[in-house]
Amino acid sequence: MKISRDSDENWKNDNIQFPRLIAEIEAVGGFTHSLIDELKKSMDLTVYDIVELINRAQDKWDKIKERT
C-alpha cells in the first residue's frame, strides 16, 4: 500500500481511511452489542466474523500508523 507524504493524497486513499474509520469507531466504543447484532443480520455474518473484520481493520491501521 502506498502511503504518501502528502496528507491530502492519504485522505483520499480508501486503503488507509477505511481501516482508520473502523479502528476509530472501535476505539470510541461504537461497536455495541446491539450494533454488532444488527450488522450480523444485515451482513449475514456471525459475531465472530464481524469481530474478525474489526480486528483486521485495527491491525491494518496499526501497521499504517507505524509507517507514518
N, C-alpha and C. Protein backbone atom coordinates (compact mmCIF):
# COMPACT_ATOMS: atom_id res chain seq x y z
N MET A 1 0.83 -1.16 0.00
CA MET A 1 0.00 0.00 0.00
C MET A 1 0.89 1.24 0.00
N LYS A 2 0.51 2.18 -0.82
CA LYS A 2 1.29 3.40 -0.92
C LYS A 2 0.81 4.40 0.12
N ILE A 3 1.74 4.83 0.96
CA ILE A 3 1.47 5.90 1.91
C ILE A 3 2.28 7.09 1.42
N SER A 4 1.59 8.18 1.22
CA SER A 4 2.21 9.37 0.64
C SER A 4 2.69 10.33 1.72
N ARG A 5 3.60 11.20 1.35
CA ARG A 5 3.98 12.30 2.24
C ARG A 5 2.93 13.41 2.21
N ASP A 6 2.07 13.33 1.21
CA ASP A 6 1.01 14.32 1.02
C ASP A 6 -0.23 13.88 1.80
N SER A 7 -0.59 14.63 2.82
CA SER A 7 -1.72 14.23 3.66
C SER A 7 -3.04 14.25 2.89
N ASP A 8 -3.18 15.14 1.90
CA ASP A 8 -4.40 15.16 1.09
C ASP A 8 -4.53 13.87 0.28
N GLU A 9 -3.42 13.40 -0.24
CA GLU A 9 -3.45 12.14 -1.00
C GLU A 9 -3.82 10.97 -0.09
N ASN A 10 -3.27 10.95 1.12
CA ASN A 10 -3.61 9.89 2.08
C ASN A 10 -5.08 9.97 2.48
N TRP A 11 -5.61 11.18 2.59
CA TRP A 11 -7.01 11.36 2.94
C TRP A 11 -7.92 10.72 1.89
N LYS A 12 -7.54 10.77 0.65
CA LYS A 12 -8.34 10.22 -0.45
C LYS A 12 -8.12 8.73 -0.66
N ASN A 13 -7.18 8.14 0.05
CA ASN A 13 -6.82 6.73 -0.12
C ASN A 13 -7.72 5.85 0.77
N ASP A 14 -8.66 5.15 0.14
CA ASP A 14 -9.58 4.29 0.89
C ASP A 14 -8.87 3.16 1.63
N ASN A 15 -7.73 2.73 1.12
CA ASN A 15 -6.98 1.66 1.78
C ASN A 15 -6.41 2.13 3.12
N ILE A 16 -6.34 3.43 3.31
CA ILE A 16 -5.91 3.99 4.58
C ILE A 16 -7.12 4.39 5.42
N GLN A 17 -8.06 5.09 4.81
CA GLN A 17 -9.14 5.69 5.57
C GLN A 17 -10.20 4.70 6.04
N PHE A 18 -10.46 3.63 5.28
CA PHE A 18 -11.47 2.66 5.73
C PHE A 18 -11.03 1.92 6.99
N PRO A 19 -9.81 1.37 7.04
CA PRO A 19 -9.41 0.73 8.30
C PRO A 19 -9.29 1.74 9.44
N ARG A 20 -8.89 2.96 9.10
CA ARG A 20 -8.81 4.00 10.13
C ARG A 20 -10.19 4.25 10.73
N LEU A 21 -11.20 4.39 9.89
CA LEU A 21 -12.56 4.65 10.36
C LEU A 21 -13.05 3.53 11.27
N ILE A 22 -12.87 2.29 10.84
CA ILE A 22 -13.32 1.15 11.63
C ILE A 22 -12.58 1.08 12.96
N ALA A 23 -11.25 1.29 12.92
CA ALA A 23 -10.46 1.25 14.15
C ALA A 23 -10.87 2.36 15.11
N GLU A 24 -11.16 3.53 14.59
CA GLU A 24 -11.57 4.65 15.45
C GLU A 24 -12.97 4.43 16.02
N ILE A 25 -13.87 3.86 15.24
CA ILE A 25 -15.20 3.54 15.77
C ILE A 25 -15.06 2.55 16.93
N GLU A 26 -14.20 1.57 16.75
CA GLU A 26 -13.96 0.59 17.81
C GLU A 26 -13.35 1.28 19.04
N ALA A 27 -12.42 2.18 18.82
CA ALA A 27 -11.72 2.86 19.92
C ALA A 27 -12.67 3.69 20.79
N VAL A 28 -13.69 4.26 20.18
CA VAL A 28 -14.63 5.08 20.95
C VAL A 28 -15.84 4.28 21.44
N GLY A 29 -15.80 2.97 21.26
CA GLY A 29 -16.86 2.12 21.77
C GLY A 29 -18.10 2.08 20.91
N GLY A 30 -17.93 2.37 19.64
CA GLY A 30 -19.07 2.43 18.73
C GLY A 30 -19.68 1.09 18.36
N PHE A 31 -18.91 0.02 18.51
CA PHE A 31 -19.43 -1.30 18.15
C PHE A 31 -20.07 -1.93 19.38
N THR A 32 -21.28 -1.48 19.65
CA THR A 32 -22.02 -2.01 20.79
C THR A 32 -22.58 -3.39 20.44
N HIS A 33 -23.05 -4.09 21.46
CA HIS A 33 -23.65 -5.41 21.23
C HIS A 33 -24.83 -5.32 20.28
N SER A 34 -25.64 -4.28 20.45
CA SER A 34 -26.81 -4.15 19.58
C SER A 34 -26.40 -3.84 18.14
N LEU A 35 -25.37 -3.02 17.95
CA LEU A 35 -24.91 -2.74 16.59
C LEU A 35 -24.34 -3.99 15.95
N ILE A 36 -23.53 -4.72 16.69
CA ILE A 36 -22.96 -5.96 16.14
C ILE A 36 -24.08 -6.93 15.79
N ASP A 37 -25.10 -7.00 16.61
CA ASP A 37 -26.24 -7.87 16.33
C ASP A 37 -26.94 -7.45 15.03
N GLU A 38 -27.11 -6.15 14.84
CA GLU A 38 -27.73 -5.65 13.61
C GLU A 38 -26.82 -5.90 12.40
N LEU A 39 -25.52 -5.70 12.55
CA LEU A 39 -24.58 -5.98 11.47
C LEU A 39 -24.60 -7.46 11.10
N LYS A 40 -24.68 -8.30 12.12
CA LYS A 40 -24.75 -9.75 11.91
C LYS A 40 -25.91 -10.09 11.00
N LYS A 41 -27.05 -9.49 11.26
CA LYS A 41 -28.24 -9.77 10.45
C LYS A 41 -28.11 -9.18 9.05
N SER A 42 -27.71 -7.92 8.96
CA SER A 42 -27.68 -7.26 7.65
C SER A 42 -26.57 -7.78 6.75
N MET A 43 -25.47 -8.24 7.35
CA MET A 43 -24.34 -8.73 6.55
C MET A 43 -24.35 -10.25 6.39
N ASP A 44 -25.28 -10.91 7.08
CA ASP A 44 -25.36 -12.37 7.07
C ASP A 44 -24.03 -12.99 7.49
N LEU A 45 -23.50 -12.49 8.62
CA LEU A 45 -22.24 -12.98 9.17
C LEU A 45 -22.46 -13.39 10.62
N THR A 46 -21.51 -14.12 11.16
CA THR A 46 -21.54 -14.44 12.58
C THR A 46 -20.89 -13.30 13.36
N VAL A 47 -21.12 -13.28 14.65
CA VAL A 47 -20.46 -12.30 15.50
C VAL A 47 -18.95 -12.46 15.36
N TYR A 48 -18.48 -13.69 15.34
CA TYR A 48 -17.06 -13.96 15.18
C TYR A 48 -16.52 -13.31 13.90
N ASP A 49 -17.26 -13.42 12.80
CA ASP A 49 -16.82 -12.83 11.53
C ASP A 49 -16.73 -11.31 11.63
N ILE A 50 -17.69 -10.69 12.27
CA ILE A 50 -17.68 -9.24 12.41
C ILE A 50 -16.52 -8.79 13.28
N VAL A 51 -16.31 -9.47 14.38
CA VAL A 51 -15.18 -9.14 15.26
C VAL A 51 -13.86 -9.34 14.51
N GLU A 52 -13.79 -10.37 13.68
CA GLU A 52 -12.58 -10.60 12.89
C GLU A 52 -12.34 -9.43 11.94
N LEU A 53 -13.39 -8.92 11.29
CA LEU A 53 -13.24 -7.77 10.40
C LEU A 53 -12.76 -6.54 11.16
N ILE A 54 -13.32 -6.32 12.33
CA ILE A 54 -12.90 -5.19 13.15
C ILE A 54 -11.43 -5.34 13.53
N ASN A 55 -11.03 -6.53 13.93
CA ASN A 55 -9.64 -6.77 14.31
C ASN A 55 -8.70 -6.62 13.12
N ARG A 56 -9.13 -7.09 11.94
CA ARG A 56 -8.30 -6.94 10.74
C ARG A 56 -8.11 -5.46 10.41
N ALA A 57 -9.17 -4.68 10.54
CA ALA A 57 -9.07 -3.25 10.28
C ALA A 57 -8.12 -2.60 11.28
N GLN A 58 -8.22 -2.99 12.54
CA GLN A 58 -7.33 -2.44 13.57
C GLN A 58 -5.88 -2.80 13.27
N ASP A 59 -5.62 -4.05 12.92
CA ASP A 59 -4.26 -4.47 12.58
C ASP A 59 -3.71 -3.67 11.40
N LYS A 60 -4.54 -3.49 10.39
CA LYS A 60 -4.12 -2.74 9.20
C LYS A 60 -3.82 -1.29 9.58
N TRP A 61 -4.68 -0.68 10.37
CA TRP A 61 -4.48 0.69 10.79
C TRP A 61 -3.22 0.83 11.64
N ASP A 62 -2.97 -0.12 12.54
CA ASP A 62 -1.74 -0.10 13.35
C ASP A 62 -0.50 -0.13 12.47
N LYS A 63 -0.52 -0.96 11.43
CA LYS A 63 0.63 -1.04 10.51
C LYS A 63 0.80 0.26 9.74
N ILE A 64 -0.31 0.88 9.35
CA ILE A 64 -0.23 2.17 8.65
C ILE A 64 0.39 3.23 9.57
N LYS A 65 -0.06 3.26 10.81
CA LYS A 65 0.48 4.25 11.76
C LYS A 65 1.97 4.05 11.98
N GLU A 66 2.42 2.79 11.99
CA GLU A 66 3.85 2.51 12.17
C GLU A 66 4.67 3.08 11.03
N ARG A 67 4.08 3.13 9.84
CA ARG A 67 4.82 3.58 8.65
C ARG A 67 4.78 5.10 8.46
N THR A 68 3.99 5.78 9.27
CA THR A 68 3.89 7.24 9.09
C THR A 68 4.49 7.99 10.25
